[in-house]
């Protein structure tokens, strides 16, 4: 991915295309857990008004109605399911609705991330599959030509080799199935681009590339270890003498651990003025994870990603059943 001068590409243009693509697929029923503040309720309502989702609001009805009235939000077109006034009750009921076939996606409202993920990952009644659950930030960086995925910066703290395999495959499947393109270029990041026993993440990066060679990871081009500069800048890669189909033009950035990934994503957001949509993969349905600091545009982009992924699963389901 080659760098572009920041003033040659309008900020948010990649999200415009993402949101437009989501408007072009059938509306996705989305269960919104505990939307009890303005930002979370507004994000769901505006996504519904844009035709991206059909919102099912789950939480204490009196609080949701009060928030809607206070901020002039029209929720009359949304189904409202009342729950006891706790975050845990809303999260549990939201997950139950997914099991009942009422929703194709799940969206976090104003409850804590730990609360909704506890319901999602519960051994009994959760939304686990045989794939490790992981998070992807879809970053719209104004200074770069393409959308950038950063994974995992929110769920897996110190992933081992097997977990990283699932983290990569989840991101690759999202890229390939949700309309971002085909065969993404995946850079497995470390501090250096050479393999050394002194930095364990370089050894895991090399192993992951060999796993791709052996088809244990499919649908992408992998290279690593790569330092951040030679992963995303062609000139940096050239100077280092790195010749690969990924170096300098990576589309998916796989970080060593949650700490480094979280710092990378927030650096892109605050220094590079990037928007960041967030989605959890590996569960039975895509899960939209939003933050109180997210803009309305980021919330809608997150809903758009979930809608595109849910639609891809919807279209794939008859083939799998056959």
C-alpha atoms as a PDB file:
ATOM      1  CA  UNK A   1       0.000   0.000   0.000  1.00  0.00           C
ATOM      2  CA  UNK A   2       1.723   3.137  -1.179  1.00  0.00           C
ATOM      3  CA  UNK A   3       1.524   6.330   0.811  1.00  0.00           C
ATOM      4  CA  UNK A   4      -0.390   9.238  -0.697  1.00  0.00           C
ATOM      5  CA  UNK A   5      -0.233  12.927   0.209  1.00  0.00           C
ATOM      6  CA  UNK A   6      -3.001  13.559   2.717  1.00  0.00           C
ATOM      7  CA  UNK A   7      -4.621  16.243   0.547  1.00  0.00           C
ATOM      8  CA  UNK A   8      -5.055  14.059  -2.538  1.00  0.00           C
ATOM      9  CA  UNK A   9      -7.792  11.865  -1.112  1.00  0.00           C
ATOM     10  CA  UNK A  10     -10.751  13.257   0.845  1.00  0.00           C
ATOM     11  CA  UNK A  11     -11.029  11.889   4.385  1.00  0.00           C
ATOM     12  CA  UNK A  12     -13.760   9.328   4.757  1.00  0.00           C
ATOM     13  CA  UNK A  13     -14.063   8.509   1.053  1.00  0.00           C
ATOM     14  CA  UNK A  14     -13.363   4.823   1.652  1.00  0.00           C
ATOM     15  CA  UNK A  15     -16.113   4.739   4.271  1.00  0.00           C
ATOM     16  CA  UNK A  16     -18.464   6.346   1.737  1.00  0.00           C
ATOM     17  CA  UNK A  17     -17.930   3.362  -0.543  1.00  0.00           C
ATOM     18  CA  UNK A  18     -18.295   0.943   2.370  1.00  0.00           C
ATOM     19  CA  UNK A  19     -21.586   2.466   3.510  1.00  0.00           C
ATOM     20  CA  UNK A  20     -22.868   2.628  -0.071  1.00  0.00           C
ATOM     21  CA  UNK A  21     -22.065  -1.063  -0.541  1.00  0.00           C
ATOM     22  CA  UNK A  22     -23.993  -1.955   2.622  1.00  0.00           C
ATOM     23  CA  UNK A  23     -27.006   0.009   1.370  1.00  0.00           C
ATOM     24  CA  UNK A  24     -26.921  -2.179  -1.729  1.00  0.00           C
ATOM     25  CA  UNK A  25     -27.621  -5.446   0.148  1.00  0.00           C
ATOM     26  CA  UNK A  26     -30.844  -6.521   1.872  1.00  0.00           C
ATOM     27  CA  UNK A  27     -31.288  -4.930   5.298  1.00  0.00           C
ATOM     28  CA  UNK A  28     -29.719  -7.010   8.078  1.00  0.00           C
ATOM     29  CA  UNK A  29     -31.659  -7.580  11.306  1.00  0.00           C
ATOM     30  CA  UNK A  30     -29.343  -6.394  14.068  1.00  0.00           C
ATOM     31  CA  UNK A  31     -29.832  -6.897  17.797  1.00  0.00           C
ATOM     32  CA  UNK A  32     -28.592  -3.818  19.674  1.00  0.00           C
ATOM     33  CA  UNK A  33     -27.713  -4.596  23.294  1.00  0.00           C
ATOM     34  CA  UNK A  34     -28.387  -1.890  25.914  1.00  0.00           C
ATOM     35  CA  UNK A  35     -28.442   1.296  23.763  1.00  0.00           C
ATOM     36  CA  UNK A  36     -28.960   3.516  26.798  1.00  0.00           C
ATOM     37  CA  UNK A  37     -26.998   6.627  25.883  1.00  0.00           C
ATOM     38  CA  UNK A  38     -27.227   9.092  23.006  1.00  0.00           C
ATOM     39  CA  UNK A  39     -24.232   7.919  20.977  1.00  0.00           C
ATOM     40  CA  UNK A  40     -25.099   4.218  20.978  1.00  0.00           C
ATOM     41  CA  UNK A  41     -28.796   4.799  20.301  1.00  0.00           C
ATOM     42  CA  UNK A  42     -28.093   7.398  17.621  1.00  0.00           C
ATOM     43  CA  UNK A  43     -25.621   5.082  15.895  1.00  0.00           C
ATOM     44  CA  UNK A  44     -28.212   2.312  15.693  1.00  0.00           C
ATOM     45  CA  UNK A  45     -31.037   4.629  14.597  1.00  0.00           C
ATOM     46  CA  UNK A  46     -28.983   6.392  11.919  1.00  0.00           C
ATOM     47  CA  UNK A  47     -27.764   3.050  10.560  1.00  0.00           C
ATOM     48  CA  UNK A  48     -31.385   1.888  10.419  1.00  0.00           C
ATOM     49  CA  UNK A  49     -32.531   5.108   8.753  1.00  0.00           C
ATOM     50  CA  UNK A  50     -29.768   4.649   6.169  1.00  0.00           C
ATOM     51  CA  UNK A  51     -31.239   1.244   5.293  1.00  0.00           C
ATOM     52  CA  UNK A  52     -28.189  -0.692   6.510  1.00  0.00           C
ATOM     53  CA  UNK A  53     -29.773  -2.501   9.462  1.00  0.00           C
ATOM     54  CA  UNK A  54     -33.153  -3.254  10.959  1.00  0.00           C
ATOM     55  CA  UNK A  55     -32.558  -2.447  14.620  1.00  0.00           C
ATOM     56  CA  UNK A  56     -33.976  -4.519  17.468  1.00  0.00           C
ATOM     57  CA  UNK A  57     -33.338  -2.529  20.653  1.00  0.00           C
ATOM     58  CA  UNK A  58     -32.786  -4.658  23.749  1.00  0.00           C
ATOM     59  CA  UNK A  59     -32.576  -3.154  27.228  1.00  0.00           C
ATOM     60  CA  UNK A  60     -34.596  -1.339  29.905  1.00  0.00           C
ATOM     61  CA  UNK A  61     -37.395   0.192  27.820  1.00  0.00           C
ATOM     62  CA  UNK A  62     -37.945   3.190  30.081  1.00  0.00           C
ATOM     63  CA  UNK A  63     -34.288   4.258  29.822  1.00  0.00           C
ATOM     64  CA  UNK A  64     -34.177   3.776  26.054  1.00  0.00           C
ATOM     65  CA  UNK A  65     -37.387   5.776  25.612  1.00  0.00           C
ATOM     66  CA  UNK A  66     -36.052   8.533  27.886  1.00  0.00           C
ATOM     67  CA  UNK A  67     -32.813   8.798  25.882  1.00  0.00           C
ATOM     68  CA  UNK A  68     -34.749   8.884  22.615  1.00  0.00           C
ATOM     69  CA  UNK A  69     -37.075  11.621  23.875  1.00  0.00           C
ATOM     70  CA  UNK A  70     -34.268  13.716  25.366  1.00  0.00           C
ATOM     71  CA  UNK A  71     -32.222  13.700  22.141  1.00  0.00           C
ATOM     72  CA  UNK A  72     -35.029  13.774  19.588  1.00  0.00           C
ATOM     73  CA  UNK A  73     -34.435  10.277  18.243  1.00  0.00           C
ATOM     74  CA  UNK A  74     -37.335   8.510  16.548  1.00  0.00           C
ATOM     75  CA  UNK A  75     -37.391   4.847  17.578  1.00  0.00           C
ATOM     76  CA  UNK A  76     -40.970   4.153  16.484  1.00  0.00           C
ATOM     77  CA  UNK A  77     -39.811   1.967  13.591  1.00  0.00           C
ATOM     78  CA  UNK A  78     -37.609  -0.191  15.845  1.00  0.00           C
ATOM     79  CA  UNK A  79     -38.703  -3.182  17.850  1.00  0.00           C
ATOM     80  CA  UNK A  80     -38.041  -2.554  21.545  1.00  0.00           C
ATOM     81  CA  UNK A  81     -37.545  -5.511  23.875  1.00  0.00           C
ATOM     82  CA  UNK A  82     -37.652  -4.671  27.578  1.00  0.00           C
ATOM     83  CA  UNK A  83     -35.179  -6.257  30.012  1.00  0.00           C
ATOM     84  CA  UNK A  84     -34.282  -5.793  33.686  1.00  0.00           C
ATOM     85  CA  UNK A  85     -32.140  -2.661  34.226  1.00  0.00           C
ATOM     86  CA  UNK A  86     -28.732  -4.309  34.134  1.00  0.00           C
ATOM     87  CA  UNK A  87     -26.137  -4.594  31.392  1.00  0.00           C
ATOM     88  CA  UNK A  88     -25.859  -8.343  31.956  1.00  0.00           C
ATOM     89  CA  UNK A  89     -29.590  -8.855  31.443  1.00  0.00           C
ATOM     90  CA  UNK A  90     -29.545  -6.928  28.164  1.00  0.00           C
ATOM     91  CA  UNK A  91     -26.478  -8.793  26.888  1.00  0.00           C
ATOM     92  CA  UNK A  92     -27.923 -12.185  27.777  1.00  0.00           C
ATOM     93  CA  UNK A  93     -31.277 -11.438  26.147  1.00  0.00           C
ATOM     94  CA  UNK A  94     -29.578 -10.053  23.036  1.00  0.00           C
ATOM     95  CA  UNK A  95     -27.596 -13.279  22.604  1.00  0.00           C
ATOM     96  CA  UNK A  96     -30.775 -15.313  23.162  1.00  0.00           C
ATOM     97  CA  UNK A  97     -32.440 -13.440  20.307  1.00  0.00           C
ATOM     98  CA  UNK A  98     -29.587 -14.471  18.008  1.00  0.00           C
ATOM     99  CA  UNK A  99     -30.180 -18.107  18.988  1.00  0.00           C
ATOM    100  CA  UNK A 100     -33.873 -17.630  18.257  1.00  0.00           C
ATOM    101  CA  UNK A 101     -33.026 -16.533  14.719  1.00  0.00           C
ATOM    102  CA  UNK A 102     -34.220 -12.974  15.279  1.00  0.00           C
ATOM    103  CA  UNK A 103     -30.950 -11.311  14.309  1.00  0.00           C
ATOM    104  CA  UNK A 104     -28.107 -11.773  11.829  1.00  0.00           C
ATOM    105  CA  UNK A 105     -25.745  -9.420  13.672  1.00  0.00           C
ATOM    106  CA  UNK A 106     -25.186  -8.176  17.211  1.00  0.00           C
ATOM    107  CA  UNK A 107     -24.310  -4.573  18.124  1.00  0.00           C
ATOM    108  CA  UNK A 108     -22.878  -3.299  21.395  1.00  0.00           C
ATOM    109  CA  UNK A 109     -24.751  -0.406  22.950  1.00  0.00           C
ATOM    110  CA  UNK A 110     -23.657   1.554  26.019  1.00  0.00           C
ATOM    111  CA  UNK A 111     -22.699  -1.465  28.095  1.00  0.00           C
ATOM    112  CA  UNK A 112     -19.093  -2.423  28.848  1.00  0.00           C
ATOM    113  CA  UNK A 113     -17.271  -4.513  26.251  1.00  0.00           C
ATOM    114  CA  UNK A 114     -16.491  -7.161  28.876  1.00  0.00           C
ATOM    115  CA  UNK A 115     -20.206  -7.574  29.573  1.00  0.00           C
ATOM    116  CA  UNK A 116     -21.300  -8.221  26.014  1.00  0.00           C
ATOM    117  CA  UNK A 117     -18.276 -10.427  25.273  1.00  0.00           C
ATOM    118  CA  UNK A 118     -19.001 -12.468  28.401  1.00  0.00           C
ATOM    119  CA  UNK A 119     -22.421 -13.272  26.927  1.00  0.00           C
ATOM    120  CA  UNK A 120     -20.980 -13.933  23.457  1.00  0.00           C
ATOM    121  CA  UNK A 121     -18.237 -16.280  24.689  1.00  0.00           C
ATOM    122  CA  UNK A 122     -20.257 -18.124  27.351  1.00  0.00           C
ATOM    123  CA  UNK A 123     -19.827 -21.900  27.103  1.00  0.00           C
ATOM    124  CA  UNK A 124     -23.553 -22.344  27.689  1.00  0.00           C
ATOM    125  CA  UNK A 125     -25.792 -20.195  25.523  1.00  0.00           C
ATOM    126  CA  UNK A 126     -23.003 -18.150  23.940  1.00  0.00           C
ATOM    127  CA  UNK A 127     -22.165 -17.643  20.278  1.00  0.00           C
ATOM    128  CA  UNK A 128     -18.917 -19.586  20.052  1.00  0.00           C
ATOM    129  CA  UNK A 129     -17.911 -21.588  16.982  1.00  0.00           C
ATOM    130  CA  UNK A 130     -14.874 -23.796  16.373  1.00  0.00           C
ATOM    131  CA  UNK A 131     -12.976 -20.640  15.327  1.00  0.00           C
ATOM    132  CA  UNK A 132     -11.255 -18.400  17.873  1.00  0.00           C
ATOM    133  CA  UNK A 133     -13.115 -15.113  18.342  1.00  0.00           C
ATOM    134  CA  UNK A 134     -11.074 -12.058  17.336  1.00  0.00           C
ATOM    135  CA  UNK A 135     -11.446  -8.363  16.572  1.00  0.00           C
ATOM    136  CA  UNK A 136     -10.633  -6.364  13.450  1.00  0.00           C
ATOM    137  CA  UNK A 137     -10.296  -2.595  13.170  1.00  0.00           C
ATOM    138  CA  UNK A 138     -11.165  -1.444   9.646  1.00  0.00           C
ATOM    139  CA  UNK A 139      -9.190   1.781   9.376  1.00  0.00           C
ATOM    140  CA  UNK A 140      -9.882   4.547   6.865  1.00  0.00           C
ATOM    141  CA  UNK A 141      -6.520   6.359   6.831  1.00  0.00           C
ATOM    142  CA  UNK A 142      -6.727   9.536   4.712  1.00  0.00           C
ATOM    143  CA  UNK A 143      -3.017   9.369   3.808  1.00  0.00           C
ATOM    144  CA  UNK A 144      -3.237   5.889   2.269  1.00  0.00           C
ATOM    145  CA  UNK A 145      -4.895   4.526  -0.811  1.00  0.00           C
ATOM    146  CA  UNK A 146      -6.562   1.478   0.684  1.00  0.00           C
ATOM    147  CA  UNK A 147      -8.571   0.456   3.700  1.00  0.00           C
ATOM    148  CA  UNK A 148      -6.299  -1.080   6.351  1.00  0.00           C
ATOM    149  CA  UNK A 149      -7.246  -3.911   8.707  1.00  0.00           C
ATOM    150  CA  UNK A 150      -5.547  -4.041  12.131  1.00  0.00           C
ATOM    151  CA  UNK A 151      -5.961  -7.282  14.088  1.00  0.00           C
ATOM    152  CA  UNK A 152      -6.239  -8.212  16.929  1.00  0.00           C
ATOM    153  CA  UNK A 153      -6.287  -5.058  19.023  1.00  0.00           C
ATOM    154  CA  UNK A 154      -9.257  -5.680  21.323  1.00  0.00           C
ATOM    155  CA  UNK A 155      -9.915  -9.315  22.280  1.00  0.00           C
ATOM    156  CA  UNK A 156      -6.869 -11.628  22.461  1.00  0.00           C
ATOM    157  CA  UNK A 157      -4.225 -10.236  24.808  1.00  0.00           C
ATOM    158  CA  UNK A 158      -1.246 -12.528  24.168  1.00  0.00           C
ATOM    159  CA  UNK A 159      -2.297 -14.847  21.314  1.00  0.00           C
ATOM    160  CA  UNK A 160      -0.219 -17.959  20.691  1.00  0.00           C
ATOM    161  CA  UNK A 161       0.547 -19.394  17.266  1.00  0.00           C
ATOM    162  CA  UNK A 162      -2.720 -21.305  16.895  1.00  0.00           C
ATOM    163  CA  UNK A 163      -4.773 -18.308  17.977  1.00  0.00           C
ATOM    164  CA  UNK A 164      -2.896 -16.069  15.531  1.00  0.00           C
ATOM    165  CA  UNK A 165      -3.787 -18.531  12.791  1.00  0.00           C
ATOM    166  CA  UNK A 166      -7.483 -17.974  13.539  1.00  0.00           C
ATOM    167  CA  UNK A 167      -7.002 -14.207  13.909  1.00  0.00           C
ATOM    168  CA  UNK A 168      -5.527 -14.085  10.415  1.00  0.00           C
ATOM    169  CA  UNK A 169      -8.127 -16.381   8.878  1.00  0.00           C
ATOM    170  CA  UNK A 170     -10.975 -14.362  10.406  1.00  0.00           C
ATOM    171  CA  UNK A 171      -9.600 -11.137   8.909  1.00  0.00           C
ATOM    172  CA  UNK A 172      -8.930 -12.761   5.534  1.00  0.00           C
ATOM    173  CA  UNK A 173     -12.455 -14.186   5.395  1.00  0.00           C
ATOM    174  CA  UNK A 174     -13.889 -10.744   6.177  1.00  0.00           C
ATOM    175  CA  UNK A 175     -11.797  -9.146   3.445  1.00  0.00           C
ATOM    176  CA  UNK A 176     -12.715 -11.747   0.833  1.00  0.00           C
ATOM    177  CA  UNK A 177     -16.394 -12.148   1.695  1.00  0.00           C
ATOM    178  CA  UNK A 178     -17.475  -8.595   2.519  1.00  0.00           C
ATOM    179  CA  UNK A 179     -16.447  -7.008  -0.769  1.00  0.00           C
ATOM    180  CA  UNK A 180     -13.069  -5.474   0.092  1.00  0.00           C
ATOM    181  CA  UNK A 181     -11.375  -7.485  -2.665  1.00  0.00           C
ATOM    182  CA  UNK A 182      -9.776 -10.873  -3.044  1.00  0.00           C
ATOM    183  CA  UNK A 183      -6.533 -12.423  -1.816  1.00  0.00           C
ATOM    184  CA  UNK A 184      -5.470  -9.676   0.592  1.00  0.00           C
ATOM    185  CA  UNK A 185      -1.838  -8.932   1.356  1.00  0.00           C
ATOM    186  CA  UNK A 186      -1.185  -9.779   5.006  1.00  0.00           C
ATOM    187  CA  UNK A 187       1.810  -8.369   6.894  1.00  0.00           C
ATOM    188  CA  UNK A 188       2.700 -10.070  10.166  1.00  0.00           C
ATOM    189  CA  UNK A 189       4.276  -7.275  12.172  1.00  0.00           C
ATOM    190  CA  UNK A 190       7.205  -7.271  14.534  1.00  0.00           C
ATOM    191  CA  UNK A 191       9.937  -4.803  15.469  1.00  0.00           C
ATOM    192  CA  UNK A 192      12.280  -6.099  12.756  1.00  0.00           C
ATOM    193  CA  UNK A 193      12.029  -7.933   9.467  1.00  0.00           C
ATOM    194  CA  UNK A 194      14.538 -10.659  10.252  1.00  0.00           C
ATOM    195  CA  UNK A 195      13.876 -13.845  12.209  1.00  0.00           C
ATOM    196  CA  UNK A 196      15.624 -13.897  15.563  1.00  0.00           C
ATOM    197  CA  UNK A 197      15.219 -15.974  18.713  1.00  0.00           C
ATOM    198  CA  UNK A 198      15.556 -12.772  20.754  1.00  0.00           C
ATOM    199  CA  UNK A 199      12.127 -11.591  19.512  1.00  0.00           C
ATOM    200  CA  UNK A 200       9.607 -14.458  19.668  1.00  0.00           C
ATOM    201  CA  UNK A 201       7.064 -12.689  17.444  1.00  0.00           C
ATOM    202  CA  UNK A 202       9.501 -12.964  14.523  1.00  0.00           C
ATOM    203  CA  UNK A 203       9.591 -16.749  14.891  1.00  0.00           C
ATOM    204  CA  UNK A 204       5.799 -16.943  15.024  1.00  0.00           C
ATOM    205  CA  UNK A 205       5.560 -14.718  11.946  1.00  0.00           C
ATOM    206  CA  UNK A 206       7.826 -17.051   9.997  1.00  0.00           C
ATOM    207  CA  UNK A 207       5.818 -20.074  11.187  1.00  0.00           C
ATOM    208  CA  UNK A 208       2.550 -18.467  10.126  1.00  0.00           C
ATOM    209  CA  UNK A 209       3.932 -17.883   6.642  1.00  0.00           C
ATOM    210  CA  UNK A 210       4.872 -21.553   6.420  1.00  0.00           C
ATOM    211  CA  UNK A 211       1.376 -22.452   7.639  1.00  0.00           C
ATOM    212  CA  UNK A 212       0.024 -20.466   4.687  1.00  0.00           C
ATOM    213  CA  UNK A 213       2.355 -22.397   2.373  1.00  0.00           C
ATOM    214  CA  UNK A 214       0.848 -25.619   3.740  1.00  0.00           C
ATOM    215  CA  UNK A 215      -2.736 -24.281   3.280  1.00  0.00           C
ATOM    216  CA  UNK A 216      -3.379 -24.045   7.022  1.00  0.00           C
ATOM    217  CA  UNK A 217      -4.243 -20.401   6.252  1.00  0.00           C
ATOM    218  CA  UNK A 218      -5.993 -19.813   2.945  1.00  0.00           C
ATOM    219  CA  UNK A 219      -7.213 -16.980   0.762  1.00  0.00           C
ATOM    220  CA  UNK A 220      -4.354 -14.518   1.259  1.00  0.00           C
ATOM    221  CA  UNK A 221      -0.726 -13.658   0.618  1.00  0.00           C
ATOM    222  CA  UNK A 222       1.325 -13.610   3.828  1.00  0.00           C
ATOM    223  CA  UNK A 223       4.737 -12.194   4.644  1.00  0.00           C
ATOM    224  CA  UNK A 224       6.511 -11.686   7.924  1.00  0.00           C
ATOM    225  CA  UNK A 225       8.120 -10.729  10.050  1.00  0.00           C
ATOM    226  CA  UNK A 226       7.836  -7.190   8.714  1.00  0.00           C
ATOM    227  CA  UNK A 227       8.433  -3.965  10.607  1.00  0.00           C
ATOM    228  CA  UNK A 228       5.633  -1.439  10.235  1.00  0.00           C
ATOM    229  CA  UNK A 229       7.526   0.841   7.846  1.00  0.00           C
ATOM    230  CA  UNK A 230       8.430  -1.843   5.349  1.00  0.00           C
ATOM    231  CA  UNK A 231       4.960  -3.347   5.600  1.00  0.00           C
ATOM    232  CA  UNK A 232       3.197  -0.207   4.380  1.00  0.00           C
ATOM    233  CA  UNK A 233       5.798   1.845   2.494  1.00  0.00           C
ATOM    234  CA  UNK A 234       7.329   0.617  -0.760  1.00  0.00           C
ATOM    235  CA  UNK A 235      10.390   2.850  -0.456  1.00  0.00           C
ATOM    236  CA  UNK A 236      11.150   1.593   3.050  1.00  0.00           C
ATOM    237  CA  UNK A 237      10.885  -1.987   1.773  1.00  0.00           C
ATOM    238  CA  UNK A 238      13.160  -1.185  -1.181  1.00  0.00           C
ATOM    239  CA  UNK A 239      15.808   0.370   1.042  1.00  0.00           C
ATOM    240  CA  UNK A 240      15.788  -2.725   3.256  1.00  0.00           C
ATOM    241  CA  UNK A 241      16.112  -4.937   0.179  1.00  0.00           C
ATOM    242  CA  UNK A 242      12.837  -6.743   0.876  1.00  0.00           C
ATOM    243  CA  UNK A 243      11.260  -8.263  -2.200  1.00  0.00           C
ATOM    244  CA  UNK A 244       7.786  -9.660  -1.659  1.00  0.00           C
ATOM    245  CA  UNK A 245       4.225  -9.305  -2.906  1.00  0.00           C
ATOM    246  CA  UNK A 246       3.212  -7.948   0.506  1.00  0.00           C
ATOM    247  CA  UNK A 247       5.991  -5.607   1.641  1.00  0.00           C
ATOM    248  CA  UNK A 248       5.158  -1.957   1.076  1.00  0.00           C
ATOM    249  CA  UNK A 249       1.508  -2.602   0.210  1.00  0.00           C
ATOM    250  CA  UNK A 250      -0.048  -4.609   3.043  1.00  0.00           C
ATOM    251  CA  UNK A 251      -3.804  -4.534   3.468  1.00  0.00           C
ATOM    252  CA  UNK A 252      -4.064  -6.535   6.706  1.00  0.00           C
ATOM    253  CA  UNK A 253      -1.695  -5.763   9.573  1.00  0.00           C
ATOM    254  CA  UNK A 254      -1.391  -8.587  12.121  1.00  0.00           C
ATOM    255  CA  UNK A 255       0.059  -7.341  15.411  1.00  0.00           C
ATOM    256  CA  UNK A 256       2.053  -9.402  17.948  1.00  0.00           C
ATOM    257  CA  UNK A 257      -0.327  -8.741  20.856  1.00  0.00           C
ATOM    258  CA  UNK A 258      -3.245  -6.620  22.004  1.00  0.00           C
ATOM    259  CA  UNK A 259      -1.098  -3.867  23.517  1.00  0.00           C
ATOM    260  CA  UNK A 260       0.833  -3.164  20.334  1.00  0.00           C
ATOM    261  CA  UNK A 261      -2.322  -3.438  18.230  1.00  0.00           C
ATOM    262  CA  UNK A 262      -4.317  -1.087  20.424  1.00  0.00           C
ATOM    263  CA  UNK A 263      -1.538   1.498  20.345  1.00  0.00           C
ATOM    264  CA  UNK A 264      -1.206   1.174  16.565  1.00  0.00           C
ATOM    265  CA  UNK A 265      -4.943   1.620  15.982  1.00  0.00           C
ATOM    266  CA  UNK A 266      -5.125   4.641  18.300  1.00  0.00           C
ATOM    267  CA  UNK A 267      -2.020   6.197  16.745  1.00  0.00           C
ATOM    268  CA  UNK A 268      -3.699   5.914  13.344  1.00  0.00           C
ATOM    269  CA  UNK A 269      -6.877   7.424  14.764  1.00  0.00           C
ATOM    270  CA  UNK A 270      -5.302  10.369  16.597  1.00  0.00           C
ATOM    271  CA  UNK A 271      -2.132  11.132  14.629  1.00  0.00           C
ATOM    272  CA  UNK A 272      -3.245  10.125  11.124  1.00  0.00           C
ATOM    273  CA  UNK A 273      -6.888  11.172  11.690  1.00  0.00           C
ATOM    274  CA  UNK A 274      -8.146   7.762  10.616  1.00  0.00           C
ATOM    275  CA  UNK A 275     -11.685   6.558  11.190  1.00  0.00           C
ATOM    276  CA  UNK A 276     -11.872   3.075  12.686  1.00  0.00           C
ATOM    277  CA  UNK A 277     -14.792   0.698  12.355  1.00  0.00           C
ATOM    278  CA  UNK A 278     -14.701  -2.323  14.651  1.00  0.00           C
ATOM    279  CA  UNK A 279     -16.085  -5.826  14.308  1.00  0.00           C
ATOM    280  CA  UNK A 280     -15.713  -9.124  16.161  1.00  0.00           C
ATOM    281  CA  UNK A 281     -15.441 -12.277  14.050  1.00  0.00           C
ATOM    282  CA  UNK A 282     -15.378 -15.991  14.757  1.00  0.00           C
ATOM    283  CA  UNK A 283     -18.771 -16.000  16.502  1.00  0.00           C
ATOM    284  CA  UNK A 284     -22.035 -17.279  15.045  1.00  0.00           C
ATOM    285  CA  UNK A 285     -22.813 -13.761  13.831  1.00  0.00           C
ATOM    286  CA  UNK A 286     -20.683 -10.645  13.339  1.00  0.00           C
ATOM    287  CA  UNK A 287     -20.538  -8.489  16.467  1.00  0.00           C
ATOM    288  CA  UNK A 288     -20.244  -4.707  16.185  1.00  0.00           C
ATOM    289  CA  UNK A 289     -18.054  -3.323  18.968  1.00  0.00           C
ATOM    290  CA  UNK A 290     -18.298   0.431  19.300  1.00  0.00           C
ATOM    291  CA  UNK A 291     -16.674   2.855  21.703  1.00  0.00           C
ATOM    292  CA  UNK A 292     -18.080   5.920  23.407  1.00  0.00           C
ATOM    293  CA  UNK A 293     -15.417   7.895  21.542  1.00  0.00           C
ATOM    294  CA  UNK A 294     -16.550   6.657  18.125  1.00  0.00           C
ATOM    295  CA  UNK A 295     -17.959   9.171  15.673  1.00  0.00           C
ATOM    296  CA  UNK A 296     -21.395   8.626  14.147  1.00  0.00           C
ATOM    297  CA  UNK A 297     -19.621   7.882  10.876  1.00  0.00           C
ATOM    298  CA  UNK A 298     -17.468   5.166  12.472  1.00  0.00           C
ATOM    299  CA  UNK A 299     -20.535   3.594  14.075  1.00  0.00           C
ATOM    300  CA  UNK A 300     -22.331   3.497  10.743  1.00  0.00           C
ATOM    301  CA  UNK A 301     -19.241   2.058   9.048  1.00  0.00           C
ATOM    302  CA  UNK A 302     -19.064  -0.666  11.708  1.00  0.00           C
ATOM    303  CA  UNK A 303     -22.722  -1.497  11.074  1.00  0.00           C
ATOM    304  CA  UNK A 304     -21.991  -1.531   7.342  1.00  0.00           C
ATOM    305  CA  UNK A 305     -19.163  -4.040   7.757  1.00  0.00           C
ATOM    306  CA  UNK A 306     -21.379  -6.304   9.864  1.00  0.00           C
ATOM    307  CA  UNK A 307     -24.171  -6.033   7.304  1.00  0.00           C
ATOM    308  CA  UNK A 308     -21.862  -6.964   4.436  1.00  0.00           C
ATOM    309  CA  UNK A 309     -20.483  -9.932   6.365  1.00  0.00           C
ATOM    310  CA  UNK A 310     -23.964 -11.095   7.388  1.00  0.00           C
ATOM    311  CA  UNK A 311     -25.141 -10.815   3.800  1.00  0.00           C
ATOM    312  CA  UNK A 312     -22.160 -12.868   2.605  1.00  0.00           C
ATOM    313  CA  UNK A 313     -23.061 -15.589   5.112  1.00  0.00           C
ATOM    314  CA  UNK A 314     -26.696 -15.403   4.037  1.00  0.00           C
ATOM    315  CA  UNK A 315     -25.745 -15.956   0.399  1.00  0.00           C
ATOM    316  CA  UNK A 316     -23.320 -18.742   1.294  1.00  0.00           C
ATOM    317  CA  UNK A 317     -25.784 -20.630   3.496  1.00  0.00           C
ATOM    318  CA  UNK A 318     -27.863 -22.250   0.696  1.00  0.00           C
ATOM    319  CA  UNK A 319     -24.647 -23.510  -0.930  1.00  0.00           C
ATOM    320  CA  UNK A 320     -23.460 -24.999   2.368  1.00  0.00           C
ATOM    321  CA  UNK A 321     -26.875 -26.608   2.946  1.00  0.00           C
ATOM    322  CA  UNK A 322     -26.830 -28.115  -0.526  1.00  0.00           C
END
